N, C-alpha and C. Protein backbone atom coordinates (compact mmCIF):
# COMPACT_ATOMS: atom_id res chain seq x y z
N MET A 1 -11.62 -23.75 -43.04
CA MET A 1 -10.94 -23.25 -41.79
C MET A 1 -10.68 -24.07 -40.55
N ILE A 2 -9.94 -23.92 -39.70
CA ILE A 2 -9.86 -25.15 -38.15
C ILE A 2 -10.33 -24.31 -37.05
N PRO A 3 -11.46 -24.89 -36.29
CA PRO A 3 -11.25 -23.85 -34.96
C PRO A 3 -10.15 -24.14 -34.11
N ALA A 4 -9.51 -22.97 -33.36
CA ALA A 4 -8.50 -22.89 -32.65
C ALA A 4 -8.43 -23.96 -31.63
N ALA A 5 -9.63 -24.52 -31.07
CA ALA A 5 -9.42 -25.69 -30.12
C ALA A 5 -8.93 -27.06 -30.95
N GLN A 6 -9.44 -27.03 -32.07
CA GLN A 6 -8.78 -28.16 -32.69
C GLN A 6 -6.92 -28.28 -33.57
N ILE A 7 -6.75 -27.18 -33.16
CA ILE A 7 -4.84 -27.05 -33.72
C ILE A 7 -4.13 -27.75 -33.08
N GLN A 8 -3.69 -28.78 -33.77
CA GLN A 8 -2.63 -29.67 -32.95
C GLN A 8 -1.20 -29.19 -32.71
N ASP A 9 -0.70 -28.58 -33.55
CA ASP A 9 0.39 -27.93 -33.42
C ASP A 9 0.41 -26.69 -32.18
N PRO A 10 1.38 -26.83 -31.29
CA PRO A 10 1.47 -26.13 -30.00
C PRO A 10 1.97 -24.72 -30.45
N GLU A 11 3.00 -24.51 -31.46
CA GLU A 11 3.24 -23.32 -31.93
C GLU A 11 2.12 -22.30 -32.86
N VAL A 12 1.44 -23.28 -33.51
CA VAL A 12 0.29 -22.49 -34.12
C VAL A 12 -0.76 -22.20 -33.00
N ARG A 13 -1.12 -22.93 -32.43
CA ARG A 13 -2.31 -22.91 -30.80
C ARG A 13 -1.55 -21.67 -30.46
N GLU A 14 -0.40 -21.38 -30.18
CA GLU A 14 -0.25 -20.30 -29.50
C GLU A 14 -0.40 -19.04 -30.70
N MET A 15 -0.23 -19.00 -31.55
CA MET A 15 -0.39 -17.83 -32.53
C MET A 15 -1.91 -17.89 -32.47
N ALA A 16 -2.89 -18.71 -32.53
CA ALA A 16 -4.32 -18.42 -32.20
C ALA A 16 -4.54 -17.58 -31.35
N ASN A 17 -3.73 -17.62 -29.81
CA ASN A 17 -4.23 -17.50 -28.92
C ASN A 17 -3.53 -15.92 -28.89
N GLU A 18 -2.58 -15.46 -29.93
CA GLU A 18 -1.79 -14.40 -29.97
C GLU A 18 -2.87 -13.51 -30.57
N ALA A 19 -3.86 -13.98 -31.85
CA ALA A 19 -4.67 -13.26 -32.29
C ALA A 19 -5.80 -12.98 -31.66
N GLU A 20 -6.51 -14.20 -30.74
CA GLU A 20 -7.38 -13.90 -29.96
C GLU A 20 -6.99 -12.16 -29.14
N SER A 21 -6.13 -12.36 -28.24
CA SER A 21 -5.45 -11.46 -27.14
C SER A 21 -5.31 -10.25 -28.07
N PHE A 22 -4.73 -10.18 -29.10
CA PHE A 22 -4.66 -9.13 -29.89
C PHE A 22 -6.21 -8.30 -30.30
N ILE A 23 -6.98 -8.84 -30.46
CA ILE A 23 -8.10 -8.41 -30.94
C ILE A 23 -8.79 -7.80 -29.49
N GLU A 24 -8.73 -8.48 -28.46
CA GLU A 24 -9.50 -8.38 -27.32
C GLU A 24 -8.73 -7.25 -26.69
N SER A 25 -7.87 -7.02 -26.70
CA SER A 25 -7.14 -5.79 -26.43
C SER A 25 -7.29 -4.52 -26.99
N HIS A 26 -8.60 -4.57 -27.80
CA HIS A 26 -9.11 -3.12 -28.27
C HIS A 26 -10.22 -2.95 -27.74
N ARG A 27 -10.39 -1.62 -27.27
CA ARG A 27 -11.31 -1.10 -26.87
C ARG A 27 -13.03 -1.83 -27.38
N TRP A 28 -12.86 -1.54 -28.64
CA TRP A 28 -13.95 -1.85 -29.86
C TRP A 28 -14.34 -3.17 -29.74
N CYS A 29 -13.53 -4.22 -29.11
CA CYS A 29 -14.26 -5.73 -29.01
C CYS A 29 -14.66 -5.75 -27.44
N THR A 30 -15.77 -6.12 -27.37
CA THR A 30 -16.23 -6.64 -25.85
C THR A 30 -15.53 -8.03 -25.84
N ARG A 31 -15.69 -9.28 -26.23
CA ARG A 31 -15.16 -10.01 -26.58
C ARG A 31 -14.92 -10.97 -27.95
N VAL A 32 -13.98 -12.19 -27.73
CA VAL A 32 -13.76 -12.52 -28.91
C VAL A 32 -14.79 -13.95 -28.94
N ALA A 33 -15.32 -14.10 -29.86
CA ALA A 33 -16.53 -15.53 -29.90
C ALA A 33 -15.88 -16.51 -30.44
N SER A 34 -14.93 -16.54 -31.70
CA SER A 34 -14.37 -17.54 -31.93
C SER A 34 -13.13 -16.62 -32.84
N VAL A 35 -12.15 -18.18 -33.17
CA VAL A 35 -11.07 -18.32 -33.88
C VAL A 35 -10.78 -19.13 -34.89
N GLU A 36 -10.47 -19.15 -35.61
CA GLU A 36 -9.95 -19.86 -36.66
C GLU A 36 -8.76 -20.08 -37.72
N LEU A 37 -8.31 -20.82 -38.04
CA LEU A 37 -7.09 -20.69 -38.68
C LEU A 37 -7.04 -21.05 -39.84
N ALA A 38 -6.86 -20.05 -40.67
CA ALA A 38 -7.10 -20.06 -42.07
C ALA A 38 -5.68 -20.64 -42.68
N TRP A 39 -4.84 -20.44 -42.50
CA TRP A 39 -3.16 -20.84 -42.66
C TRP A 39 -1.98 -20.58 -42.13
N ALA A 40 -1.09 -21.68 -42.04
CA ALA A 40 -0.28 -21.13 -40.77
C ALA A 40 1.05 -22.30 -41.31
N ALA A 41 2.43 -21.27 -41.13
CA ALA A 41 3.61 -22.27 -40.79
C ALA A 41 3.96 -21.81 -39.47
N ALA A 42 4.30 -22.97 -38.46
CA ALA A 42 4.42 -23.17 -37.19
C ALA A 42 5.59 -22.01 -37.46
N GLY A 43 5.37 -20.87 -35.95
CA GLY A 43 6.25 -20.22 -35.67
C GLY A 43 6.72 -18.94 -36.47
N VAL A 44 6.12 -19.22 -37.55
CA VAL A 44 6.60 -18.13 -38.64
C VAL A 44 5.34 -17.22 -39.04
N LEU A 45 4.40 -17.85 -39.33
CA LEU A 45 3.14 -16.50 -39.80
C LEU A 45 2.07 -17.79 -39.72
N GLY A 46 0.80 -17.12 -39.30
CA GLY A 46 -0.39 -17.63 -39.25
C GLY A 46 -1.39 -16.51 -39.39
N VAL A 47 -2.56 -16.91 -40.41
CA VAL A 47 -3.60 -16.18 -40.60
C VAL A 47 -4.99 -16.55 -40.42
N PHE A 48 -5.84 -15.89 -39.25
CA PHE A 48 -6.60 -16.19 -38.31
C PHE A 48 -7.82 -15.54 -38.86
N GLN A 49 -9.25 -15.88 -38.78
CA GLN A 49 -10.35 -15.03 -38.95
C GLN A 49 -10.87 -15.41 -37.51
N VAL A 50 -11.13 -14.08 -37.14
CA VAL A 50 -11.65 -13.80 -35.50
C VAL A 50 -12.81 -13.40 -36.02
N ARG A 51 -13.97 -14.08 -35.17
CA ARG A 51 -15.30 -13.15 -34.75
C ARG A 51 -15.13 -12.79 -33.32
N LEU A 52 -15.90 -11.48 -33.22
CA LEU A 52 -15.77 -11.01 -32.07
C LEU A 52 -17.39 -10.55 -32.08
N VAL A 53 -17.46 -10.36 -30.39
CA VAL A 53 -18.50 -9.46 -30.13
C VAL A 53 -18.33 -7.63 -30.21
N PRO A 54 -18.54 -7.27 -31.15
CA PRO A 54 -18.38 -5.45 -30.99
C PRO A 54 -18.58 -4.86 -29.96
N ALA A 55 -18.13 -3.79 -29.46
CA ALA A 55 -18.53 -2.62 -28.14
C ALA A 55 -19.54 -1.70 -29.13
N ARG A 56 -19.29 -1.41 -29.72
CA ARG A 56 -19.95 -0.25 -30.87
C ARG A 56 -20.51 -1.00 -32.24
N PRO A 57 -21.87 -0.30 -32.60
CA PRO A 57 -22.37 -1.05 -33.73
C PRO A 57 -21.72 -1.19 -34.90
N THR A 58 -20.68 -0.31 -35.28
CA THR A 58 -20.01 0.43 -36.53
C THR A 58 -19.16 -0.65 -36.48
N VAL A 59 -18.40 -1.44 -35.79
CA VAL A 59 -17.58 -2.31 -35.45
C VAL A 59 -17.53 -3.55 -36.38
N ASP A 60 -16.95 -3.92 -37.11
CA ASP A 60 -16.79 -5.60 -38.18
C ASP A 60 -17.27 -6.27 -36.94
N GLU A 61 -17.72 -7.60 -37.46
CA GLU A 61 -17.45 -8.63 -36.54
C GLU A 61 -16.60 -9.71 -37.01
N VAL A 62 -16.15 -9.81 -38.37
CA VAL A 62 -15.08 -10.78 -38.39
C VAL A 62 -14.20 -9.85 -39.13
N LEU A 63 -13.25 -10.27 -38.59
CA LEU A 63 -11.76 -10.04 -38.92
C LEU A 63 -10.68 -11.10 -39.48
N TRP A 64 -9.79 -10.49 -40.22
CA TRP A 64 -8.57 -11.52 -40.23
C TRP A 64 -7.38 -10.85 -39.59
N VAL A 65 -6.81 -11.61 -38.85
CA VAL A 65 -5.73 -11.04 -37.84
C VAL A 65 -4.47 -12.30 -38.32
N VAL A 66 -3.24 -11.42 -38.61
CA VAL A 66 -2.10 -11.83 -39.10
C VAL A 66 -0.93 -11.83 -37.90
N VAL A 67 -0.54 -12.92 -37.29
CA VAL A 67 0.53 -13.01 -36.60
C VAL A 67 1.75 -13.75 -37.01
N GLY A 68 2.84 -13.75 -35.71
CA GLY A 68 3.94 -14.55 -36.16
C GLY A 68 5.02 -13.77 -36.14
N ASP A 69 6.08 -13.80 -36.77
CA ASP A 69 7.40 -13.45 -36.96
C ASP A 69 7.71 -12.14 -37.59
N LEU A 70 6.50 -11.29 -37.51
CA LEU A 70 6.45 -10.00 -38.10
C LEU A 70 5.11 -9.12 -37.21
N PRO A 71 4.88 -8.06 -37.72
CA PRO A 71 4.13 -7.24 -36.78
C PRO A 71 2.58 -7.87 -36.70
N THR A 72 1.48 -7.98 -35.74
CA THR A 72 0.46 -8.50 -35.86
C THR A 72 -0.52 -7.32 -36.13
N ALA A 73 -1.48 -7.63 -37.25
CA ALA A 73 -2.45 -6.76 -37.59
C ALA A 73 -3.31 -7.30 -37.76
N TYR A 74 -5.15 -6.34 -37.67
CA TYR A 74 -6.22 -6.95 -38.49
C TYR A 74 -6.40 -6.28 -39.50
N LEU A 75 -7.52 -6.87 -40.30
CA LEU A 75 -7.84 -6.39 -41.48
C LEU A 75 -9.21 -6.86 -41.66
N VAL A 76 -10.07 -5.63 -42.23
CA VAL A 76 -11.54 -5.90 -42.16
C VAL A 76 -11.43 -7.19 -43.72
N GLN A 77 -12.51 -8.24 -43.23
CA GLN A 77 -12.60 -9.31 -43.92
C GLN A 77 -13.55 -8.87 -45.37
N ASP A 78 -14.52 -8.14 -45.30
CA ASP A 78 -15.01 -7.58 -46.45
C ASP A 78 -14.21 -7.04 -47.52
N ASP A 79 -12.87 -6.48 -47.40
CA ASP A 79 -11.78 -6.15 -48.25
C ASP A 79 -11.31 -7.61 -48.72
N ALA A 80 -11.31 -8.71 -48.06
CA ALA A 80 -10.44 -9.73 -48.43
C ALA A 80 -11.26 -11.22 -47.77
N PRO A 81 -12.03 -11.89 -48.78
CA PRO A 81 -12.54 -12.68 -48.84
C PRO A 81 -11.97 -14.13 -48.42
N THR A 82 -10.62 -13.90 -48.67
CA THR A 82 -9.85 -15.31 -48.29
C THR A 82 -8.66 -14.99 -47.76
N TRP A 83 -7.85 -16.05 -47.20
CA TRP A 83 -6.64 -15.54 -46.09
C TRP A 83 -5.64 -14.95 -47.31
N ARG A 84 -5.74 -15.68 -48.70
CA ARG A 84 -4.39 -14.85 -49.37
C ARG A 84 -5.01 -13.60 -49.80
N GLU A 85 -5.99 -13.00 -49.48
CA GLU A 85 -6.36 -11.72 -50.10
C GLU A 85 -6.04 -11.35 -48.91
N ALA A 86 -6.59 -11.50 -47.75
CA ALA A 86 -6.17 -10.86 -46.47
C ALA A 86 -4.54 -10.60 -46.70
N LEU A 87 -3.94 -11.56 -46.58
CA LEU A 87 -2.18 -11.61 -46.81
C LEU A 87 -1.94 -10.37 -47.86
N THR A 88 -2.46 -10.37 -48.65
CA THR A 88 -2.01 -9.31 -49.71
C THR A 88 -2.49 -8.19 -49.05
N GLY A 89 -3.22 -7.96 -48.55
CA GLY A 89 -3.78 -6.66 -48.11
C GLY A 89 -2.54 -6.27 -46.59
N TYR A 90 -2.32 -7.29 -46.05
CA TYR A 90 -1.50 -6.83 -45.03
C TYR A 90 -0.09 -6.74 -45.82
N ILE A 91 0.47 -7.06 -46.78
CA ILE A 91 1.34 -6.72 -47.20
C ILE A 91 1.43 -5.28 -47.73
N TYR A 92 0.34 -5.03 -48.25
CA TYR A 92 0.27 -3.51 -49.05
C TYR A 92 0.05 -2.61 -47.67
N GLU A 93 -0.56 -2.92 -46.67
CA GLU A 93 -0.81 -1.91 -45.65
C GLU A 93 0.47 -1.95 -44.86
N MET A 94 1.48 -3.15 -44.64
CA MET A 94 2.95 -2.89 -44.03
C MET A 94 3.60 -2.03 -44.94
N SER A 95 3.66 -2.37 -46.42
CA SER A 95 4.43 -1.55 -47.02
C SER A 95 4.37 -0.15 -46.90
N LYS A 96 3.17 0.38 -46.78
CA LYS A 96 3.33 1.85 -46.42
C LYS A 96 3.94 2.27 -45.48
N TRP A 97 3.84 1.61 -44.43
CA TRP A 97 4.55 1.80 -43.20
C TRP A 97 5.75 2.05 -43.71
N VAL A 98 6.77 0.94 -44.44
CA VAL A 98 7.98 0.98 -44.43
C VAL A 98 8.50 1.70 -45.19
N SER A 99 7.33 2.30 -46.15
CA SER A 99 7.90 3.42 -47.50
C SER A 99 7.97 4.61 -46.49
N ALA A 100 6.91 4.94 -45.44
CA ALA A 100 6.81 6.17 -44.93
C ALA A 100 7.87 6.03 -43.90
N VAL A 101 8.16 5.15 -43.41
CA VAL A 101 9.50 5.34 -42.20
C VAL A 101 10.91 5.35 -43.15
N LYS A 102 10.96 4.96 -44.08
CA LYS A 102 12.36 4.84 -44.88
C LYS A 102 12.08 6.94 -45.93
N GLN A 103 11.29 6.91 -45.68
CA GLN A 103 11.31 8.50 -45.88
C GLN A 103 11.04 9.53 -45.21
N GLY A 104 10.69 9.20 -43.92
CA GLY A 104 10.61 9.89 -42.85
C GLY A 104 9.40 10.74 -42.74
N ASP A 105 8.21 10.14 -43.32
CA ASP A 105 6.82 10.71 -43.21
C ASP A 105 6.26 10.16 -42.17
N SER A 106 5.20 10.96 -42.10
CA SER A 106 4.39 10.65 -41.18
C SER A 106 3.53 9.43 -41.07
N LEU A 107 3.19 8.99 -39.73
CA LEU A 107 2.73 7.51 -39.51
C LEU A 107 1.34 7.64 -39.22
N ASP A 108 1.15 8.99 -39.24
CA ASP A 108 -0.86 9.17 -38.82
C ASP A 108 -1.79 8.56 -39.56
N GLU A 109 -1.59 8.54 -40.92
CA GLU A 109 -2.44 7.79 -41.56
C GLU A 109 -2.38 6.19 -42.06
N ILE A 110 -1.13 5.56 -41.20
CA ILE A 110 -0.52 4.15 -41.46
C ILE A 110 -1.23 3.54 -40.54
N ILE A 111 -0.91 2.07 -41.00
CA ILE A 111 -1.91 1.10 -39.66
C ILE A 111 -0.45 1.08 -38.99
N PRO A 112 -0.93 0.86 -37.42
CA PRO A 112 0.09 1.12 -36.47
C PRO A 112 0.69 -0.29 -36.55
N VAL A 113 2.27 0.18 -36.27
CA VAL A 113 3.21 -1.09 -35.98
C VAL A 113 3.75 -0.96 -34.81
N GLU A 114 3.66 -2.41 -33.72
CA GLU A 114 4.13 -2.29 -32.87
C GLU A 114 5.69 -2.39 -32.88
N ALA A 115 6.49 -1.47 -33.57
CA ALA A 115 8.29 -1.26 -33.56
C ALA A 115 8.32 0.13 -33.68
N GLU A 116 9.49 0.40 -33.42
CA GLU A 116 10.17 1.68 -33.24
C GLU A 116 10.14 1.95 -35.05
N PRO A 117 9.69 3.02 -35.23
CA PRO A 117 9.79 3.42 -37.04
C PRO A 117 11.21 3.91 -37.26
N THR A 118 12.31 2.89 -37.13
CA THR A 118 13.28 2.88 -37.66
C THR A 118 14.17 2.51 -39.16
N LEU A 119 14.88 2.89 -39.62
CA LEU A 119 15.27 2.18 -40.70
C LEU A 119 15.34 0.86 -40.99
N GLU A 120 16.23 0.43 -39.57
CA GLU A 120 16.62 -1.14 -39.42
C GLU A 120 15.38 -1.80 -39.35
N HIS A 121 14.27 -1.41 -38.55
CA HIS A 121 12.95 -2.16 -38.62
C HIS A 121 12.16 -2.38 -39.67
N ALA A 122 12.14 -0.92 -40.61
CA ALA A 122 11.47 -0.91 -41.73
C ALA A 122 12.35 -2.13 -42.83
N GLN A 123 13.27 -1.87 -42.90
CA GLN A 123 14.31 -2.88 -43.72
C GLN A 123 14.16 -4.75 -43.51
N MET A 124 14.03 -4.74 -42.08
CA MET A 124 13.50 -5.75 -41.40
C MET A 124 11.96 -6.52 -42.26
N LEU A 125 11.36 -5.71 -41.82
CA LEU A 125 9.95 -5.75 -42.34
C LEU A 125 9.49 -6.07 -43.81
N GLU A 126 10.69 -5.19 -44.60
CA GLU A 126 10.17 -5.49 -45.78
C GLU A 126 11.09 -6.74 -46.16
N SER A 127 11.65 -7.11 -45.82
CA SER A 127 12.41 -8.58 -46.13
C SER A 127 11.38 -9.57 -45.70
N ARG A 128 11.04 -9.50 -44.79
CA ARG A 128 9.91 -10.42 -44.49
C ARG A 128 8.61 -10.32 -45.44
N LEU A 129 7.90 -9.28 -45.52
CA LEU A 129 6.99 -9.15 -46.72
C LEU A 129 7.46 -9.29 -47.78
N THR A 130 8.58 -9.15 -48.43
CA THR A 130 9.20 -9.81 -49.68
C THR A 130 9.06 -11.46 -49.51
N PHE A 131 9.38 -12.33 -48.65
CA PHE A 131 9.27 -13.23 -48.46
C PHE A 131 8.20 -13.93 -48.59
N ILE A 132 7.09 -13.55 -47.80
CA ILE A 132 5.52 -13.89 -47.85
C ILE A 132 5.11 -13.63 -49.38
N GLU A 133 5.38 -12.53 -50.48
CA GLU A 133 4.80 -12.41 -51.34
C GLU A 133 5.64 -13.50 -52.26
N GLN A 134 6.82 -13.85 -52.05
CA GLN A 134 7.17 -14.56 -53.17
C GLN A 134 7.31 -16.26 -53.02
N ASN A 135 7.06 -16.19 -51.55
CA ASN A 135 7.35 -17.93 -51.11
C ASN A 135 5.81 -18.31 -50.69
N ILE A 136 5.19 -17.29 -50.15
CA ILE A 136 3.75 -17.76 -49.85
C ILE A 136 2.72 -17.69 -50.86
N LEU A 137 2.47 -16.21 -50.87
CA LEU A 137 1.37 -15.94 -52.04
C LEU A 137 1.50 -16.18 -53.43
N GLY A 138 3.03 -16.58 -53.49
CA GLY A 138 3.26 -17.00 -55.06
C GLY A 138 3.41 -18.42 -55.21
N ALA A 139 2.96 -19.34 -54.02
CA ALA A 139 3.08 -20.85 -54.13
C ALA A 139 1.57 -21.10 -54.21
N THR A 140 1.28 -22.50 -54.78
CA THR A 140 0.06 -23.03 -54.63
C THR A 140 -0.37 -23.30 -53.48
N ASP A 141 -1.59 -23.97 -53.14
CA ASP A 141 -2.07 -24.74 -51.94
C ASP A 141 -1.44 -25.75 -51.84
N GLU A 142 -1.38 -26.63 -52.77
CA GLU A 142 -0.56 -28.04 -52.59
C GLU A 142 1.16 -27.74 -52.35
N GLU A 143 1.33 -26.79 -52.54
CA GLU A 143 3.02 -26.63 -52.30
C GLU A 143 3.14 -26.07 -50.76
N LEU A 144 2.24 -25.13 -50.45
CA LEU A 144 2.06 -24.90 -49.34
C LEU A 144 1.73 -25.70 -48.14
N GLY A 145 0.56 -26.50 -48.18
CA GLY A 145 0.43 -27.27 -47.03
C GLY A 145 -0.06 -26.05 -45.61
N CYS A 146 -0.44 -26.55 -44.51
CA CYS A 146 -0.84 -25.87 -43.43
C CYS A 146 -0.31 -26.57 -42.55
N ASP A 147 0.25 -26.16 -41.04
CA ASP A 147 0.53 -26.36 -39.81
C ASP A 147 -0.64 -26.29 -39.19
N VAL A 148 -1.12 -27.70 -38.88
CA VAL A 148 -2.02 -27.91 -37.61
C VAL A 148 -1.85 -28.36 -36.48
């Protein structure tokens, strides 16, 4: 992984800043200790490992944060030790949001998404999730590379 301060690409550096700001916006975070890039495609998608100083002892100190041209979200690292597993978890959680919106179900127990729960937004997110699954998770590390 690459520390945020060493990221060369300005778009990826901006995504690292977004990941940090997103985590710092939560009351359970006292401050972010570090942000490291796991994988990114500049301006499209970034997966970052964020270490934080928790405000409560029950809060995880290391999280994955997914940012880009889709809703930002964090995932617990214990459940996903690699960036690929984190992205798989992201797709799983966001797919539950898509399904709930399409079916008109409650979003109370679903990952929060900063978008109006409309059919249009659900379809847009669903197409992005399909793209990630097929073109990113379905590719080898050599095929993917990483924009830093």
